[in-house]
Structures are given as structure tokens and as C-alpha cells.
């Protein structure tokens, strides 16, 4: 902790030093031997330094209480008033404050009541209780005030920790979103680029014109992938169902796979439309990588309470695995309160189905 923070913490204690005016005046005007005055002044300085050390630590996060200084405050705070009289009884207010700020809760009020009792006894011993009754009362009031302050500081510390935890969770969620988007975007685009590059290589000698067209498609796909990655980095990437179906038709046709799509229907909520677009993308990527299918069928069924998108193929069935793509897709669907199922079809091939409510409670990115 730097000097500025140190003084800010001491600011809790400095206003209470006003009560030291009475012991100082007593040292000056009360006739006593010089040795007694010097010793009392030295002890008062030690008491004040210990008190400031207690408060310099007590409201600092991660700092252990100054137990040795608290002991000095307690001993001198009791001894000096008993030795020198009522003018020094105000030191017991400091004892009450230091105990309230430092001790565990179960020991606070016994210590405060003890300081109040000593203060009352010192004042009553000189018959001045009626004149300075405020001193014992101040011991109690100080404890109440610092209890409230201590509670507020504790609550504030918990709020700071909660804010830090929320910030860490937000960073983790954003990293997860970014990783999921990159996988979904690049998995599809790179599969398409690899497929068309392989096809162009086979056609280079037999059909140069078709090979050039396929390489032109590779260039377009690469540029689109770059734009999509930039959008993902910016956090604005959205995939629509219509767009995903158009991309799937282009990619699958290059692989010799027939795509059957449903007729256009009613517009869907933006969040639902985007997630269904990701479903089509993931299904297309899996077909290109794993299935060796010849026909892919996309079906869309709407009801009063939701919409179901099913993508099925006639390929190798269980070849697709629940990797990062399906896991990320499941998170997208679950975020809208939907459910995702994936597995071999009843006959031949693989089936991927997503059911989403038409009015999701949480919007997906």
C-alpha cells in the first residue's frame, strides 16, 4: 500500500484525535512532578501511534489486524485514566473504537462494555459522573458507529469481489463464444475450400474451364471466410437459415451431393433463424467430412410452441462424432431453451435435429 492509500485509511482515525485535547490540557495545567509529566506525554504518544497503526490496517483489504498495537491501546487506554484521572478518561473512547474495528464480532461488545465500565468508574471515582456522563455514552456510540462502518466496508468488499468474478466470467464466456464461432465458421469454409481444391486438381487436365471455375469458387470461399472471421472478431456475426442453405447447396453440389430443402415459410425470430443457420452449417460440415452421403434432406416443421429443423443424410450413419462442433451447437440451442439431438437414422445415414421455441427467453449471438 502506497503513502496515499495509507493516509486515506488513517482518515478514519484522525477525526477522533480531537478527544486528546483534554489529556494535553491536563498535562499543561495540572501541577505534577516533571518526571510524571514526561512519562505521561511519552505514553500518550505511544498510545496515539498504536491507535493510528490499528486503524491504518483494519480497513485495508488483505491486511492482518495489528494485534500488538491493539494490545498497547487497550493497556494504556485503561492505565492512563486510572492513573491520571477523569481528564484522561476520553482515551477509553479510543479503546472502544479500536476494539470494535479489529476484534472478531463475538468479542466486540464484551470489550466495548468493559471500556465503558472502566470509563464510568474513573469518572464516578472523582464524583464527576453527572458532569461528564457523555464520556461513557461516547464509548457506546462510537462502537455502534464503527460497527455500521465495518459492516458497510465488508459489504463493499464482497461487492468488489463479486464484480471481479463477474468480469472473469464475462471474459471466459466471450472466449468460449469466440472459439465456438471460429470453429463453426472455419470448419465449414475450410472444408469447402479443401473439397473444391481437390476437385479442381482432378479436373485440371480433363476440363480446364471447370477447374478454373472451381478455383474461382475457392477464392470466393476464402474471401468469405476471411470476412466471416473479421465479423466474428467484431462480435457481429449472424448466420441466417436462408444463407446457410444457399452455402450448403453450393458446397454439397461441388461434392456431388444432392440437397433437398423445404419451401420458404413464415419468417422466424432473428435469434431462432440464426441458430438454425448454425445447425445447417454444422450438418453440412459433417456431411463433407464424414458421411460419404449422396442425398441430404432438410426439413422444417413449425408448430404453435416451436419449430423443428431436421437434417438427415443417407451416408455412413454413425461416422459423425460429438466433437467440438456439436458441443458448441448444443450450447447455442440450449441458450434459447431448445434441445438438440444427433445420431444415426433409423435406417441409413445420420440425423441432426434441433427444436427451438419461437419466442426464446434468451437471445443468441
Protein backbone atom coordinates (compact mmCIF):
# COMPACT_ATOMS: atom_id res chain seq x y z
CA UNK A 1 0.00 0.00 0.00
CA UNK A 2 1.47 3.39 -1.00
CA UNK A 3 1.59 6.50 1.17
CA UNK A 4 -1.59 7.96 -0.33
CA UNK A 5 -3.62 4.84 0.47
CA UNK A 6 -2.08 4.75 3.94
CA UNK A 7 -3.25 8.25 4.73
CA UNK A 8 -6.66 7.52 3.26
CA UNK A 9 -7.04 4.64 5.71
CA UNK A 10 -5.80 6.81 8.58
CA UNK A 11 -8.51 9.28 7.68
CA UNK A 12 -10.94 7.02 9.54
CA UNK A 13 -9.00 7.61 12.75
CA UNK A 14 -7.75 11.23 12.60
CA UNK A 15 -11.07 12.99 13.43
CA UNK A 16 -11.23 11.14 16.74
CA UNK A 17 -7.91 12.64 17.86
CA UNK A 18 -9.94 15.65 18.99
CA UNK A 19 -10.53 13.87 22.30
CA UNK A 20 -6.80 14.09 23.03
CA UNK A 21 -7.20 17.80 23.66
CA UNK A 22 -8.28 17.04 27.23
CA UNK A 23 -5.23 14.94 28.23
CA UNK A 24 -2.90 17.52 26.62
CA UNK A 25 -4.52 20.39 28.51
CA UNK A 26 -4.33 18.33 31.70
CA UNK A 27 -0.59 17.79 31.17
CA UNK A 28 -0.09 21.53 30.86
CA UNK A 29 -2.25 22.95 33.65
CA UNK A 30 -2.27 20.24 36.32
CA UNK A 31 0.69 20.55 38.71
CA UNK A 32 2.65 17.32 38.71
CA UNK A 33 6.31 16.33 39.01
CA UNK A 34 8.24 16.80 35.76
CA UNK A 35 9.03 13.09 35.59
CA UNK A 36 5.33 12.25 35.75
CA UNK A 37 4.54 14.77 33.01
CA UNK A 38 7.29 13.47 30.75
CA UNK A 39 6.30 9.85 31.28
CA UNK A 40 2.60 10.64 30.70
CA UNK A 41 3.44 12.54 27.49
CA UNK A 42 5.58 9.69 26.18
CA UNK A 43 2.87 7.14 26.95
CA UNK A 44 0.29 9.35 25.25
CA UNK A 45 2.45 9.48 22.10
CA UNK A 46 2.88 5.69 22.19
CA UNK A 47 -0.86 5.26 22.67
CA UNK A 48 -1.65 7.54 19.71
CA UNK A 49 0.87 5.81 17.42
CA UNK A 50 -0.56 2.39 18.31
CA UNK A 51 -4.11 3.64 17.73
CA UNK A 52 -3.22 5.03 14.30
CA UNK A 53 -1.49 1.75 13.41
CA UNK A 54 -4.65 -0.18 14.30
CA UNK A 55 -6.79 1.95 12.01
CA UNK A 56 -4.15 2.07 9.31
CA UNK A 57 -4.55 -1.69 8.91
CA UNK A 58 -8.09 -2.52 9.84
CA UNK A 59 -9.81 -1.17 6.71
CA UNK A 60 -7.15 -2.37 4.27
CA UNK A 61 -8.12 -5.47 2.27
CA UNK A 62 -5.84 -8.42 2.82
CA UNK A 63 -4.03 -6.79 5.75
CA UNK A 64 -3.87 -8.60 9.11
CA UNK A 65 -5.08 -6.71 12.19
CA UNK A 66 -2.39 -5.00 14.29
CA UNK A 67 -2.88 -7.17 17.38
CA UNK A 68 0.22 -5.84 19.18
CA UNK A 69 -0.87 -2.24 18.65
CA UNK A 70 -4.39 -3.11 19.78
CA UNK A 71 -2.95 -4.55 22.99
CA UNK A 72 -0.97 -1.36 23.59
CA UNK A 73 -4.10 0.74 23.04
CA UNK A 74 -6.08 -1.41 25.47
CA UNK A 75 -3.42 -1.40 28.22
CA UNK A 76 -2.55 2.31 28.04
CA UNK A 77 -6.18 3.29 27.42
CA UNK A 78 -7.10 1.75 30.77
CA UNK A 79 -3.93 2.52 32.74
CA UNK A 80 -3.63 6.23 31.96
CA UNK A 81 -7.19 7.22 33.03
CA UNK A 82 -6.92 5.08 36.21
CA UNK A 83 -3.55 6.74 37.00
CA UNK A 84 -4.23 10.35 35.94
CA UNK A 85 -7.96 10.82 36.37
CA UNK A 86 -11.06 11.97 34.53
CA UNK A 87 -9.26 14.23 32.01
CA UNK A 88 -7.75 11.07 30.53
CA UNK A 89 -10.99 9.06 30.53
CA UNK A 90 -11.61 10.03 26.91
CA UNK A 91 -8.85 7.57 25.92
CA UNK A 92 -11.32 4.79 26.61
CA UNK A 93 -13.31 6.00 23.61
CA UNK A 94 -10.27 5.10 21.52
CA UNK A 95 -10.16 1.70 23.18
CA UNK A 96 -13.80 1.14 22.26
CA UNK A 97 -13.19 2.24 18.66
CA UNK A 98 -10.08 0.09 18.19
CA UNK A 99 -11.77 -2.97 19.70
CA UNK A 100 -14.86 -2.55 17.51
CA UNK A 101 -12.78 -2.17 14.36
CA UNK A 102 -10.34 -5.03 14.98
CA UNK A 103 -11.79 -7.78 17.16
CA UNK A 104 -13.92 -10.69 15.92
CA UNK A 105 -17.63 -9.95 16.28
CA UNK A 106 -18.11 -12.21 19.30
CA UNK A 107 -15.52 -10.21 21.31
CA UNK A 108 -16.53 -6.70 20.27
CA UNK A 109 -19.30 -5.98 22.74
CA UNK A 110 -17.62 -7.53 25.80
CA UNK A 111 -14.61 -5.31 25.09
CA UNK A 112 -16.77 -2.22 24.50
CA UNK A 113 -18.79 -2.79 27.66
CA UNK A 114 -15.56 -3.29 29.59
CA UNK A 115 -14.15 0.01 28.31
CA UNK A 116 -17.45 1.74 29.15
CA UNK A 117 -17.41 0.29 32.67
CA UNK A 118 -13.82 1.48 33.29
CA UNK A 119 -14.70 4.94 31.96
CA UNK A 120 -17.74 5.12 34.23
CA UNK A 121 -15.70 4.01 37.25
CA UNK A 122 -12.94 6.57 36.64
CA UNK A 123 -15.44 9.43 36.27
CA UNK A 124 -17.55 8.29 39.23
CA UNK A 125 -14.46 7.96 41.47
CA UNK A 126 -13.99 11.74 41.28
CA UNK A 127 -17.70 12.45 41.62
CA UNK A 128 -17.97 13.87 38.12
CA UNK A 129 -20.34 11.36 36.54
CA UNK A 130 -23.15 13.89 36.37
CA UNK A 131 -20.90 16.46 34.64
CA UNK A 132 -19.14 14.26 32.08
CA UNK A 133 -21.60 11.40 31.70
CA UNK A 134 -21.16 11.87 27.94
CA UNK A 135 -17.80 10.03 28.05
CA UNK A 136 -19.25 6.56 28.87
CA UNK A 137 -22.06 7.22 26.41
CA UNK A 138 -19.49 8.09 23.72
CA UNK A 139 -17.81 4.72 24.25
CA UNK A 140 -21.06 3.02 23.29
CA UNK A 141 -21.97 5.39 20.46
CA UNK A 142 -18.53 5.05 18.92
CA UNK A 143 -18.89 1.29 18.93
CA UNK A 144 -22.29 1.48 17.22
CA UNK A 145 -20.95 3.89 14.58
CA UNK A 146 -17.91 1.75 13.78
CA UNK A 147 -19.98 -1.42 13.71
CA UNK A 148 -22.05 0.14 10.94
CA UNK A 149 -18.95 1.34 9.13
CA UNK A 150 -17.34 -2.07 9.44
CA UNK A 151 -20.45 -3.73 8.01
CA UNK A 152 -20.57 -1.32 5.06
CA UNK A 153 -16.90 -1.91 4.28
CA UNK A 154 -17.40 -5.67 4.46
CA UNK A 155 -20.39 -5.49 2.11
CA UNK A 156 -18.45 -3.24 -0.26
CA UNK A 157 -15.54 -5.72 -0.29
CA UNK A 158 -17.97 -8.53 -1.16
CA UNK A 159 -19.43 -6.42 -3.97
CA UNK A 160 -15.96 -5.76 -5.35
CA UNK A 161 -15.17 -9.47 -5.28
CA UNK A 162 -18.49 -10.25 -6.96
CA UNK A 163 -17.80 -7.64 -9.65
CA UNK A 164 -14.35 -9.13 -10.28
CA UNK A 165 -15.86 -12.61 -10.51
CA UNK A 166 -18.50 -11.41 -12.97
CA UNK A 167 -15.77 -9.78 -15.06
CA UNK A 168 -13.78 -13.02 -15.10
CA UNK A 169 -16.89 -14.99 -16.09
CA UNK A 170 -17.66 -12.50 -18.87
CA UNK A 171 -14.15 -12.92 -20.25
CA UNK A 172 -14.47 -16.72 -20.09
CA UNK A 173 -17.85 -16.62 -21.84
CA UNK A 174 -16.51 -14.34 -24.57
CA UNK A 175 -13.54 -16.64 -25.12
CA UNK A 176 -15.93 -19.60 -25.38
CA UNK A 177 -18.13 -17.70 -27.85
CA UNK A 178 -15.15 -16.71 -29.95
CA UNK A 179 -13.75 -20.25 -30.03
CA UNK A 180 -17.15 -21.67 -30.92
CA UNK A 181 -17.70 -19.14 -33.73
CA UNK A 182 -14.25 -19.72 -35.19
CA UNK A 183 -14.80 -23.47 -35.17
CA UNK A 184 -18.20 -23.18 -36.82
CA UNK A 185 -17.06 -20.62 -39.39
CA UNK A 186 -13.69 -22.05 -40.35
CA UNK A 187 -14.75 -25.70 -40.16
CA UNK A 188 -17.36 -25.14 -42.84
CA UNK A 189 -15.32 -22.78 -45.01
CA UNK A 190 -12.10 -24.78 -44.92
CA UNK A 191 -13.96 -28.00 -45.69
CA UNK A 192 -15.45 -26.29 -48.75
CA UNK A 193 -12.08 -24.91 -49.84
CA UNK A 194 -10.41 -28.32 -49.46
CA UNK A 195 -13.18 -30.04 -51.39
CA UNK A 196 -13.17 -27.59 -54.30
CA UNK A 197 -9.36 -27.54 -54.45
CA UNK A 198 -9.30 -31.34 -54.68
CA UNK A 199 -11.96 -31.26 -57.39
CA UNK A 200 -10.07 -28.60 -59.36
CA UNK A 201 -6.93 -30.71 -59.20
CA UNK A 202 -8.73 -33.68 -60.69
CA UNK A 203 -10.25 -31.52 -63.45
CA UNK A 204 -7.10 -29.56 -64.30
CA UNK A 205 -6.21 -31.69 -67.33
CA UNK A 206 -9.59 -33.17 -68.27
CA UNK A 207 -11.73 -29.99 -68.04
CA UNK A 208 -9.59 -26.84 -67.55
CA UNK A 209 -12.55 -24.49 -67.80
CA UNK A 210 -14.40 -26.29 -64.97
CA UNK A 211 -11.17 -26.42 -62.95
CA UNK A 212 -10.77 -22.65 -63.30
CA UNK A 213 -14.36 -22.19 -62.14
CA UNK A 214 -13.76 -24.38 -59.12
CA UNK A 215 -10.63 -22.39 -58.20
CA UNK A 216 -12.61 -19.18 -58.61
CA UNK A 217 -15.09 -20.64 -56.12
CA UNK A 218 -12.17 -21.40 -53.80
CA UNK A 219 -11.09 -17.77 -53.97
CA UNK A 220 -14.63 -16.60 -53.22
CA UNK A 221 -14.93 -19.04 -50.30
CA UNK A 222 -11.59 -17.91 -48.89
CA UNK A 223 -12.61 -14.25 -49.08
CA UNK A 224 -15.96 -15.01 -47.45
CA UNK A 225 -14.19 -16.96 -44.69
CA UNK A 226 -11.89 -14.01 -44.07
CA UNK A 227 -14.86 -11.63 -43.87
CA UNK A 228 -16.68 -14.00 -41.52
CA UNK A 229 -13.65 -14.24 -39.22
CA UNK A 230 -13.48 -10.45 -39.11
CA UNK A 231 -17.18 -10.33 -38.25
CA UNK A 232 -16.67 -12.92 -35.52
CA UNK A 233 -13.81 -10.91 -34.04
CA UNK A 234 -16.04 -7.84 -34.04
CA UNK A 235 -18.84 -9.82 -32.37
CA UNK A 236 -21.44 -9.05 -35.02
CA UNK A 237 -21.54 -12.36 -36.91
CA UNK A 238 -25.04 -13.71 -37.58
CA UNK A 239 -25.90 -16.62 -39.86
CA UNK A 240 -29.41 -16.87 -41.30
CA UNK A 241 -31.13 -20.08 -42.25
CA UNK A 242 -31.55 -19.00 -45.88
CA UNK A 243 -27.91 -18.03 -46.15
CA UNK A 244 -26.78 -21.32 -44.59
CA UNK A 245 -28.97 -23.31 -47.02
CA UNK A 246 -27.52 -21.45 -50.00
CA UNK A 247 -23.98 -22.10 -48.80
CA UNK A 248 -24.81 -25.75 -48.13
CA UNK A 249 -26.19 -26.19 -51.67
CA UNK A 250 -23.01 -24.75 -53.18
CA UNK A 251 -20.70 -26.87 -51.02
CA UNK A 252 -22.64 -30.12 -51.39
CA UNK A 253 -23.15 -29.79 -55.13
CA UNK A 254 -19.39 -29.50 -55.57
CA UNK A 255 -19.07 -32.83 -53.77
CA UNK A 256 -21.77 -34.45 -55.89
CA UNK A 257 -24.30 -34.47 -53.07
CA UNK A 258 -27.94 -33.58 -53.69
CA UNK A 259 -29.55 -31.18 -51.21
CA UNK A 260 -33.30 -31.19 -50.67
CA UNK A 261 -34.59 -28.11 -48.86
CA UNK A 262 -38.02 -27.11 -47.54
CA UNK A 263 -40.06 -24.41 -49.31
CA UNK A 264 -39.83 -20.87 -47.87
CA UNK A 265 -42.03 -20.41 -44.85
CA UNK A 266 -43.02 -17.73 -42.38
CA UNK A 267 -40.17 -15.50 -41.10
CA UNK A 268 -38.66 -16.76 -37.87
CA UNK A 269 -37.41 -14.69 -34.91
CA UNK A 270 -33.88 -13.47 -35.62
CA UNK A 271 -32.30 -15.46 -32.79
CA UNK A 272 -34.05 -18.69 -33.83
CA UNK A 273 -33.23 -18.13 -37.50
CA UNK A 274 -29.55 -17.61 -36.66
CA UNK A 275 -29.26 -20.78 -34.56
CA UNK A 276 -30.99 -22.86 -37.25
CA UNK A 277 -28.48 -21.46 -39.71
CA UNK A 278 -25.68 -22.77 -37.50
CA UNK A 279 -27.42 -26.17 -37.39
CA UNK A 280 -27.40 -26.38 -41.19
CA UNK A 281 -23.75 -25.30 -41.30
CA UNK A 282 -22.65 -27.92 -38.80
CA UNK A 283 -24.64 -30.63 -40.53
CA UNK A 284 -23.13 -29.68 -43.91
CA UNK A 285 -19.61 -29.72 -42.47
CA UNK A 286 -20.17 -33.20 -41.00
CA UNK A 287 -21.54 -34.50 -44.30
CA UNK A 288 -18.50 -33.21 -46.20
CA UNK A 289 -16.07 -34.64 -43.65
CA UNK A 290 -17.56 -37.92 -42.56
CA UNK A 291 -20.68 -39.26 -44.15
CA UNK A 292 -19.95 -40.05 -47.86
CA UNK A 293 -23.63 -39.31 -48.43
CA UNK A 294 -25.31 -38.83 -51.80
CA UNK A 295 -28.50 -37.08 -50.63
CA UNK A 296 -29.05 -34.62 -47.75
CA UNK A 297 -32.58 -33.64 -46.74
CA UNK A 298 -33.50 -30.58 -44.71
CA UNK A 299 -36.97 -30.44 -43.16
CA UNK A 300 -38.55 -27.59 -41.22
CA UNK A 301 -41.69 -28.12 -39.15
CA UNK A 302 -43.44 -25.30 -37.31
CA UNK A 303 -45.97 -25.52 -34.51
CA UNK A 304 -47.71 -23.27 -32.02
CA UNK A 305 -44.96 -23.61 -29.45
CA UNK A 306 -41.83 -24.04 -31.55
CA UNK A 307 -40.01 -25.02 -34.71
CA UNK A 308 -38.00 -28.16 -35.50
CA UNK A 309 -35.25 -28.34 -38.10
CA UNK A 310 -34.05 -31.80 -39.17
CA UNK A 311 -31.05 -32.50 -41.38
CA UNK A 312 -30.63 -36.13 -42.44
CA UNK A 313 -28.41 -37.91 -44.97
CA UNK A 314 -28.02 -41.37 -46.48
CA UNK A 315 -24.34 -41.69 -45.63
CA UNK A 316 -22.27 -43.71 -43.20
CA UNK A 317 -24.55 -43.20 -40.23
CA UNK A 318 -22.52 -43.20 -37.01
CA UNK A 319 -19.37 -41.78 -38.56
CA UNK A 320 -20.04 -38.31 -37.18
CA UNK A 321 -18.93 -37.83 -33.61
CA UNK A 322 -20.00 -35.44 -30.86
CA UNK A 323 -16.94 -33.24 -31.09
CA UNK A 324 -16.43 -29.52 -30.54
CA UNK A 325 -18.86 -28.63 -33.35
CA UNK A 326 -21.84 -30.49 -31.96
CA UNK A 327 -20.97 -29.42 -28.41
CA UNK A 328 -20.89 -25.75 -29.42
CA UNK A 329 -24.10 -26.17 -31.40
CA UNK A 330 -25.77 -27.75 -28.37
CA UNK A 331 -24.79 -24.70 -26.30
CA UNK A 332 -26.33 -22.36 -28.88
CA UNK A 333 -29.59 -24.34 -28.92
CA UNK A 334 -29.73 -24.65 -25.12
CA UNK A 335 -29.22 -20.89 -24.75
CA UNK A 336 -32.62 -20.40 -26.41
CA UNK A 337 -34.31 -23.06 -24.32
CA UNK A 338 -34.27 -25.65 -27.09
CA UNK A 339 -32.90 -29.15 -27.46
CA UNK A 340 -30.55 -30.80 -29.91
CA UNK A 341 -30.43 -34.47 -30.89
CA UNK A 342 -27.88 -36.16 -33.13
CA UNK A 343 -27.28 -39.78 -34.08
CA UNK A 344 -27.71 -42.46 -36.70
CA UNK A 345 -31.03 -42.53 -38.53
CA UNK A 346 -33.42 -45.44 -38.11
CA UNK A 347 -32.36 -46.79 -41.48
CA UNK A 348 -29.18 -45.50 -43.09
CA UNK A 349 -27.33 -42.25 -42.54
CA UNK A 350 -27.09 -39.61 -39.84
CA UNK A 351 -29.75 -37.31 -38.42
CA UNK A 352 -29.32 -33.93 -36.72
CA UNK A 353 -32.42 -32.23 -35.26
CA UNK A 354 -32.90 -29.00 -33.33
CA UNK A 355 -36.14 -27.94 -31.66
CA UNK A 356 -36.47 -24.31 -30.59
CA UNK A 357 -39.29 -22.28 -29.05
CA UNK A 358 -40.47 -19.49 -31.35
CA UNK A 359 -40.26 -16.95 -28.51
CA UNK A 360 -36.93 -17.72 -26.78
CA UNK A 361 -36.27 -16.14 -23.43
CA UNK A 362 -32.60 -15.52 -24.19
CA UNK A 363 -31.26 -14.16 -27.44
CA UNK A 364 -28.36 -15.93 -29.07
CA UNK A 365 -25.48 -14.25 -30.73
